[in-house]
Amino acid sequence: MSETHDEQGREPAGLPDAEEVSDEEKDRLEKERQERLDLDNRPETAEVDNTDRDFDVETGMFTDNPDHSDAEPVYSADDEA
């Protein structure tokens, strides 16, 4: 049995289908999400784990960054001190 269903196999109340969410609610949720993700709102004690991401030292960006493929190299091995 799925964790999202009760003992009788019914979905619990309060979990609307994606089609039931209004555009206003979607906009509100997206705004709230962006506020949560904003670096300025991150608690000082927050830890970020980037160990599963690849970093390109020449562009100074993670390779999963949407702008990475268009980025020009700005750093080189000669820049290391």
N, C-alpha and C. Protein backbone atom coordinates (compact mmCIF):
# COMPACT_ATOMS: atom_id res chain seq x y z
N MET A 1 0.84 -1.19 0.00
CA MET A 1 0.00 0.00 0.00
C MET A 1 0.89 1.25 0.00
N SER A 2 0.51 2.24 -0.74
CA SER A 2 1.27 3.48 -0.85
C SER A 2 1.19 4.27 0.45
N GLU A 3 2.25 5.01 0.75
CA GLU A 3 2.26 5.84 1.95
C GLU A 3 1.26 6.99 1.84
N THR A 4 0.82 7.32 0.63
CA THR A 4 -0.11 8.44 0.46
C THR A 4 -1.56 8.00 0.56
N HIS A 5 -1.82 6.72 0.89
CA HIS A 5 -3.18 6.21 1.02
C HIS A 5 -3.42 5.73 2.44
N ASP A 6 -4.70 5.78 2.87
CA ASP A 6 -5.03 5.29 4.20
C ASP A 6 -5.23 3.78 4.17
N GLU A 7 -5.68 3.18 5.29
CA GLU A 7 -5.83 1.74 5.39
C GLU A 7 -6.81 1.18 4.35
N GLN A 8 -7.80 1.96 3.95
CA GLN A 8 -8.79 1.52 2.98
C GLN A 8 -8.34 1.79 1.53
N GLY A 9 -7.12 2.28 1.34
CA GLY A 9 -6.62 2.54 0.01
C GLY A 9 -7.07 3.87 -0.57
N ARG A 10 -7.69 4.72 0.25
CA ARG A 10 -8.15 6.02 -0.24
C ARG A 10 -7.05 7.06 -0.07
N GLU A 11 -7.04 8.03 -0.98
CA GLU A 11 -6.12 9.14 -0.83
C GLU A 11 -6.62 10.04 0.29
N PRO A 12 -5.71 10.54 1.14
CA PRO A 12 -6.14 11.43 2.22
C PRO A 12 -6.67 12.75 1.66
N ALA A 13 -7.58 13.33 2.39
CA ALA A 13 -8.12 14.64 2.00
C ALA A 13 -7.02 15.68 2.07
N GLY A 14 -7.13 16.71 1.26
CA GLY A 14 -6.16 17.81 1.31
C GLY A 14 -5.03 17.65 0.32
N LEU A 15 -5.00 16.59 -0.46
CA LEU A 15 -3.97 16.42 -1.48
C LEU A 15 -4.63 16.54 -2.85
N PRO A 16 -4.74 17.76 -3.38
CA PRO A 16 -5.43 17.94 -4.66
C PRO A 16 -4.59 17.39 -5.81
N ASP A 17 -5.28 16.97 -6.86
CA ASP A 17 -4.59 16.59 -8.09
C ASP A 17 -4.00 17.84 -8.71
N ALA A 18 -2.97 17.69 -9.52
CA ALA A 18 -2.32 18.84 -10.15
C ALA A 18 -3.31 19.65 -10.97
N GLU A 19 -4.30 18.97 -11.57
CA GLU A 19 -5.28 19.68 -12.39
C GLU A 19 -6.20 20.55 -11.54
N GLU A 20 -6.33 20.24 -10.25
CA GLU A 20 -7.24 20.99 -9.38
C GLU A 20 -6.62 22.26 -8.81
N VAL A 21 -5.32 22.46 -8.97
CA VAL A 21 -4.64 23.63 -8.43
C VAL A 21 -4.83 24.79 -9.39
N SER A 22 -5.35 25.90 -8.86
CA SER A 22 -5.61 27.07 -9.71
C SER A 22 -4.31 27.73 -10.13
N ASP A 23 -4.39 28.53 -11.18
CA ASP A 23 -3.22 29.28 -11.64
C ASP A 23 -2.73 30.23 -10.57
N GLU A 24 -3.66 30.84 -9.82
CA GLU A 24 -3.27 31.75 -8.74
C GLU A 24 -2.48 31.00 -7.68
N GLU A 25 -2.94 29.79 -7.35
CA GLU A 25 -2.25 28.99 -6.34
C GLU A 25 -0.87 28.56 -6.85
N LYS A 26 -0.78 28.19 -8.11
CA LYS A 26 0.51 27.83 -8.69
C LYS A 26 1.48 29.02 -8.64
N ASP A 27 0.97 30.22 -8.97
CA ASP A 27 1.82 31.42 -8.92
C ASP A 27 2.27 31.70 -7.50
N ARG A 28 1.36 31.54 -6.53
CA ARG A 28 1.71 31.78 -5.13
C ARG A 28 2.77 30.78 -4.67
N LEU A 29 2.59 29.52 -5.05
CA LEU A 29 3.55 28.49 -4.66
C LEU A 29 4.92 28.74 -5.29
N GLU A 30 4.94 29.16 -6.55
CA GLU A 30 6.21 29.44 -7.23
C GLU A 30 6.92 30.63 -6.58
N LYS A 31 6.16 31.66 -6.22
CA LYS A 31 6.75 32.83 -5.55
C LYS A 31 7.34 32.41 -4.20
N GLU A 32 6.60 31.59 -3.46
CA GLU A 32 7.08 31.11 -2.16
C GLU A 32 8.34 30.26 -2.34
N ARG A 33 8.36 29.43 -3.37
CA ARG A 33 9.52 28.59 -3.65
C ARG A 33 10.74 29.46 -3.94
N GLN A 34 10.58 30.48 -4.78
CA GLN A 34 11.69 31.36 -5.11
C GLN A 34 12.22 32.09 -3.88
N GLU A 35 11.32 32.48 -2.98
CA GLU A 35 11.76 33.14 -1.74
C GLU A 35 12.56 32.17 -0.87
N ARG A 36 12.13 30.91 -0.82
CA ARG A 36 12.85 29.92 -0.01
C ARG A 36 14.23 29.65 -0.60
N LEU A 37 14.34 29.65 -1.93
CA LEU A 37 15.61 29.35 -2.58
C LEU A 37 16.56 30.53 -2.66
N ASP A 38 16.07 31.73 -2.40
CA ASP A 38 16.90 32.94 -2.48
C ASP A 38 18.05 32.83 -1.47
N LEU A 39 19.27 33.01 -1.94
CA LEU A 39 20.44 32.91 -1.06
C LEU A 39 20.38 33.88 0.10
N ASP A 40 19.75 35.05 -0.09
CA ASP A 40 19.65 36.03 0.99
C ASP A 40 18.78 35.53 2.13
N ASN A 41 17.92 34.56 1.87
CA ASN A 41 17.03 34.03 2.91
C ASN A 41 17.56 32.74 3.53
N ARG A 42 18.74 32.31 3.12
CA ARG A 42 19.31 31.07 3.66
C ARG A 42 19.85 31.31 5.07
N PRO A 43 19.50 30.45 6.01
CA PRO A 43 20.02 30.60 7.38
C PRO A 43 21.55 30.47 7.39
N GLU A 44 22.18 31.16 8.31
CA GLU A 44 23.64 31.13 8.39
C GLU A 44 24.16 29.73 8.63
N THR A 45 23.38 28.88 9.29
CA THR A 45 23.83 27.53 9.62
C THR A 45 23.52 26.51 8.53
N ALA A 46 22.95 26.95 7.41
CA ALA A 46 22.59 26.03 6.33
C ALA A 46 23.85 25.47 5.68
N GLU A 47 23.80 24.19 5.35
CA GLU A 47 24.91 23.55 4.66
C GLU A 47 24.45 23.15 3.27
N VAL A 48 25.31 23.36 2.29
CA VAL A 48 25.00 23.03 0.91
C VAL A 48 25.94 21.91 0.47
N ASP A 49 25.37 20.87 -0.10
CA ASP A 49 26.15 19.73 -0.54
C ASP A 49 26.19 19.70 -2.06
N ASN A 50 27.33 20.02 -2.64
CA ASN A 50 27.50 20.01 -4.09
C ASN A 50 28.37 18.84 -4.55
N THR A 51 28.50 17.81 -3.72
CA THR A 51 29.41 16.72 -4.05
C THR A 51 28.98 15.93 -5.28
N ASP A 52 27.70 15.93 -5.61
CA ASP A 52 27.23 15.20 -6.79
C ASP A 52 27.23 16.07 -8.05
N ARG A 53 27.73 17.29 -7.96
CA ARG A 53 27.75 18.20 -9.10
C ARG A 53 29.18 18.35 -9.61
N ASP A 54 29.32 18.59 -10.90
CA ASP A 54 30.64 18.79 -11.51
C ASP A 54 30.89 20.27 -11.70
N PHE A 55 32.07 20.73 -11.28
CA PHE A 55 32.43 22.13 -11.37
C PHE A 55 33.48 22.32 -12.46
N ASP A 56 33.25 23.29 -13.32
CA ASP A 56 34.19 23.62 -14.40
C ASP A 56 35.04 24.79 -13.92
N VAL A 57 36.31 24.52 -13.65
CA VAL A 57 37.19 25.55 -13.10
C VAL A 57 37.50 26.65 -14.10
N GLU A 58 37.38 26.37 -15.39
CA GLU A 58 37.68 27.40 -16.39
C GLU A 58 36.56 28.44 -16.49
N THR A 59 35.31 28.01 -16.37
CA THR A 59 34.21 28.97 -16.44
C THR A 59 33.79 29.46 -15.07
N GLY A 60 34.18 28.73 -14.03
CA GLY A 60 33.76 29.09 -12.68
C GLY A 60 32.30 28.79 -12.43
N MET A 61 31.78 27.77 -13.13
CA MET A 61 30.36 27.40 -13.01
C MET A 61 30.23 25.89 -12.87
N PHE A 62 29.12 25.48 -12.26
CA PHE A 62 28.79 24.07 -12.27
C PHE A 62 28.30 23.71 -13.67
N THR A 63 28.61 22.50 -14.11
CA THR A 63 28.27 22.10 -15.48
C THR A 63 26.77 21.95 -15.68
N ASP A 64 25.98 21.85 -14.61
CA ASP A 64 24.53 21.76 -14.77
C ASP A 64 23.86 23.14 -14.81
N ASN A 65 24.65 24.19 -14.73
CA ASN A 65 24.13 25.55 -14.85
C ASN A 65 23.64 25.75 -16.28
N PRO A 66 22.41 26.25 -16.47
CA PRO A 66 21.90 26.44 -17.83
C PRO A 66 22.78 27.33 -18.71
N ASP A 67 23.54 28.23 -18.11
CA ASP A 67 24.40 29.13 -18.88
C ASP A 67 25.78 28.55 -19.15
N HIS A 68 26.08 27.38 -18.61
CA HIS A 68 27.42 26.82 -18.71
C HIS A 68 27.85 26.57 -20.14
N SER A 69 26.95 26.03 -20.97
CA SER A 69 27.35 25.67 -22.34
C SER A 69 27.71 26.90 -23.18
N ASP A 70 27.20 28.07 -22.82
CA ASP A 70 27.50 29.29 -23.56
C ASP A 70 28.60 30.12 -22.90
N ALA A 71 29.08 29.68 -21.75
CA ALA A 71 30.04 30.48 -20.98
C ALA A 71 31.43 30.43 -21.59
N GLU A 72 32.07 31.57 -21.61
CA GLU A 72 33.46 31.67 -22.06
C GLU A 72 34.37 31.37 -20.87
N PRO A 73 35.49 30.71 -21.10
CA PRO A 73 36.44 30.50 -20.00
C PRO A 73 36.95 31.84 -19.47
N VAL A 74 36.90 32.02 -18.18
CA VAL A 74 37.39 33.24 -17.57
C VAL A 74 38.58 32.97 -16.65
N TYR A 75 38.83 31.70 -16.35
CA TYR A 75 39.94 31.32 -15.48
C TYR A 75 40.81 30.31 -16.22
N SER A 76 42.05 30.28 -15.88
CA SER A 76 42.94 29.27 -16.46
C SER A 76 43.84 28.75 -15.35
N ALA A 77 44.55 27.69 -15.63
CA ALA A 77 45.47 27.12 -14.64
C ALA A 77 46.56 28.11 -14.28
N ASP A 78 46.88 29.04 -15.17
CA ASP A 78 47.92 30.04 -14.91
C ASP A 78 47.50 31.04 -13.85
N ASP A 79 46.15 31.16 -13.59
CA ASP A 79 45.65 32.13 -12.63
C ASP A 79 45.87 31.69 -11.18
N GLU A 80 46.20 30.41 -10.98
CA GLU A 80 46.37 29.91 -9.62
C GLU A 80 47.63 30.52 -9.01
N ALA A 81 47.48 30.88 -7.74
CA ALA A 81 48.63 31.49 -7.06
C ALA A 81 49.32 30.52 -6.16
